[in-house]
Amino acid sequence: MFKKSDYLLLGAAFFSFCFSVGLWFTGLKDEGMYVGIWVPSILAAGGYFKQVLNQK
């Protein structure tokens, strides 16, 4: 069902989420919010590339 690339993208998004939560709770709230914005960007880029590569 899932390919290796899907797991890689989900892992990168999860790592970004965990990193942003860690930054937030260590007092670096601005940096945590910035890194938290990466999560939907990673997922959107992954969905885009998956769709583009499957069309060919």
N, C-alpha and C. Protein backbone atom coordinates (compact mmCIF):
# COMPACT_ATOMS: atom_id res chain seq x y z
N MET A 1 0.83 -1.19 0.00
CA MET A 1 0.00 0.00 0.00
C MET A 1 0.88 1.26 0.00
N PHE A 2 1.77 1.39 0.98
CA PHE A 2 2.66 2.53 1.04
C PHE A 2 4.00 2.17 0.43
N LYS A 3 4.60 3.13 -0.23
CA LYS A 3 5.94 2.94 -0.78
C LYS A 3 6.96 3.47 0.21
N LYS A 4 8.22 3.18 -0.06
CA LYS A 4 9.29 3.65 0.80
C LYS A 4 9.33 5.18 0.84
N SER A 5 9.04 5.82 -0.29
CA SER A 5 9.04 7.28 -0.34
C SER A 5 7.93 7.87 0.53
N ASP A 6 6.80 7.18 0.62
CA ASP A 6 5.71 7.65 1.48
C ASP A 6 6.14 7.65 2.95
N TYR A 7 6.81 6.57 3.35
CA TYR A 7 7.30 6.50 4.73
C TYR A 7 8.35 7.57 4.99
N LEU A 8 9.17 7.86 4.01
CA LEU A 8 10.19 8.90 4.17
C LEU A 8 9.54 10.26 4.37
N LEU A 9 8.53 10.58 3.57
CA LEU A 9 7.85 11.86 3.70
C LEU A 9 7.10 11.97 5.03
N LEU A 10 6.41 10.90 5.41
CA LEU A 10 5.71 10.93 6.69
C LEU A 10 6.69 11.03 7.85
N GLY A 11 7.83 10.37 7.72
CA GLY A 11 8.86 10.45 8.77
C GLY A 11 9.42 11.85 8.88
N ALA A 12 9.65 12.49 7.73
CA ALA A 12 10.17 13.86 7.75
C ALA A 12 9.16 14.82 8.37
N ALA A 13 7.89 14.64 8.05
CA ALA A 13 6.85 15.50 8.63
C ALA A 13 6.74 15.26 10.14
N PHE A 14 6.81 14.00 10.54
CA PHE A 14 6.73 13.68 11.97
C PHE A 14 7.93 14.23 12.73
N PHE A 15 9.12 14.10 12.15
CA PHE A 15 10.32 14.65 12.77
C PHE A 15 10.19 16.17 12.92
N SER A 16 9.69 16.83 11.89
CA SER A 16 9.51 18.27 11.94
C SER A 16 8.52 18.65 13.04
N PHE A 17 7.44 17.89 13.15
CA PHE A 17 6.45 18.15 14.19
C PHE A 17 7.06 17.99 15.58
N CYS A 18 7.78 16.90 15.79
CA CYS A 18 8.41 16.66 17.10
C CYS A 18 9.45 17.73 17.41
N PHE A 19 10.21 18.13 16.41
CA PHE A 19 11.22 19.17 16.60
C PHE A 19 10.56 20.49 16.98
N SER A 20 9.44 20.82 16.33
CA SER A 20 8.76 22.08 16.64
C SER A 20 8.17 22.05 18.05
N VAL A 21 7.63 20.91 18.46
CA VAL A 21 7.09 20.79 19.82
C VAL A 21 8.22 20.92 20.83
N GLY A 22 9.36 20.31 20.54
CA GLY A 22 10.50 20.42 21.44
C GLY A 22 10.99 21.86 21.57
N LEU A 23 11.05 22.56 20.45
CA LEU A 23 11.45 23.97 20.51
C LEU A 23 10.46 24.80 21.31
N TRP A 24 9.18 24.53 21.09
CA TRP A 24 8.13 25.29 21.77
C TRP A 24 8.26 25.14 23.29
N PHE A 25 8.42 23.90 23.75
CA PHE A 25 8.44 23.66 25.19
C PHE A 25 9.79 23.95 25.85
N THR A 26 10.81 24.24 25.06
CA THR A 26 12.07 24.68 25.66
C THR A 26 12.16 26.20 25.71
N GLY A 27 11.08 26.87 25.32
CA GLY A 27 11.03 28.32 25.42
C GLY A 27 11.31 29.05 24.13
N LEU A 28 11.63 28.35 23.08
CA LEU A 28 11.89 28.98 21.78
C LEU A 28 10.61 28.93 20.95
N LYS A 29 9.62 29.72 21.36
CA LYS A 29 8.30 29.63 20.76
C LYS A 29 8.27 30.10 19.31
N ASP A 30 8.97 31.16 18.99
CA ASP A 30 8.98 31.64 17.61
C ASP A 30 9.61 30.62 16.67
N GLU A 31 10.71 30.03 17.12
CA GLU A 31 11.37 29.01 16.30
C GLU A 31 10.50 27.77 16.16
N GLY A 32 9.80 27.40 17.24
CA GLY A 32 8.90 26.26 17.20
C GLY A 32 7.76 26.47 16.23
N MET A 33 7.22 27.68 16.18
CA MET A 33 6.14 27.96 15.22
C MET A 33 6.67 27.93 13.80
N TYR A 34 7.88 28.43 13.59
CA TYR A 34 8.47 28.42 12.25
C TYR A 34 8.68 26.99 11.75
N VAL A 35 9.24 26.15 12.60
CA VAL A 35 9.47 24.76 12.20
C VAL A 35 8.14 24.03 12.06
N GLY A 36 7.15 24.39 12.83
CA GLY A 36 5.83 23.77 12.72
C GLY A 36 5.16 24.03 11.38
N ILE A 37 5.51 25.13 10.75
CA ILE A 37 4.97 25.44 9.43
C ILE A 37 5.51 24.48 8.37
N TRP A 38 6.65 23.85 8.65
CA TRP A 38 7.24 22.92 7.69
C TRP A 38 6.38 21.69 7.47
N VAL A 39 5.62 21.27 8.48
CA VAL A 39 4.87 20.02 8.41
C VAL A 39 3.91 20.00 7.22
N PRO A 40 3.00 20.96 7.09
CA PRO A 40 2.11 20.90 5.92
C PRO A 40 2.85 21.13 4.61
N SER A 41 3.95 21.88 4.66
CA SER A 41 4.73 22.09 3.44
C SER A 41 5.37 20.79 2.96
N ILE A 42 5.90 20.00 3.88
CA ILE A 42 6.50 18.72 3.52
C ILE A 42 5.44 17.78 2.96
N LEU A 43 4.29 17.72 3.62
CA LEU A 43 3.22 16.84 3.15
C LEU A 43 2.67 17.28 1.80
N ALA A 44 2.53 18.59 1.59
CA ALA A 44 2.03 19.09 0.31
C ALA A 44 3.03 18.81 -0.81
N ALA A 45 4.31 19.04 -0.54
CA ALA A 45 5.33 18.76 -1.56
C ALA A 45 5.36 17.27 -1.90
N GLY A 46 5.23 16.44 -0.89
CA GLY A 46 5.20 15.00 -1.13
C GLY A 46 4.01 14.58 -1.95
N GLY A 47 2.84 15.12 -1.65
CA GLY A 47 1.65 14.82 -2.43
C GLY A 47 1.76 15.30 -3.86
N TYR A 48 2.35 16.46 -4.04
CA TYR A 48 2.54 17.00 -5.39
C TYR A 48 3.46 16.10 -6.21
N PHE A 49 4.62 15.77 -5.65
CA PHE A 49 5.57 14.95 -6.39
C PHE A 49 5.03 13.54 -6.64
N LYS A 50 4.28 13.02 -5.70
CA LYS A 50 3.68 11.69 -5.90
C LYS A 50 2.69 11.74 -7.06
N GLN A 51 1.89 12.79 -7.12
CA GLN A 51 0.92 12.92 -8.20
C GLN A 51 1.61 13.14 -9.55
N VAL A 52 2.63 13.97 -9.58
CA VAL A 52 3.33 14.25 -10.83
C VAL A 52 4.04 13.00 -11.34
N LEU A 53 4.68 12.26 -10.45
CA LEU A 53 5.42 11.08 -10.87
C LEU A 53 4.51 9.94 -11.29
N ASN A 54 3.30 9.89 -10.75
CA ASN A 54 2.37 8.82 -11.11
C ASN A 54 1.68 9.08 -12.44
N GLN A 55 1.72 10.30 -12.94
CA GLN A 55 1.09 10.62 -14.22
C GLN A 55 1.93 10.13 -15.39
N LYS A 56 3.22 9.98 -15.20
CA LYS A 56 4.10 9.61 -16.30
C LYS A 56 4.17 8.12 -16.47
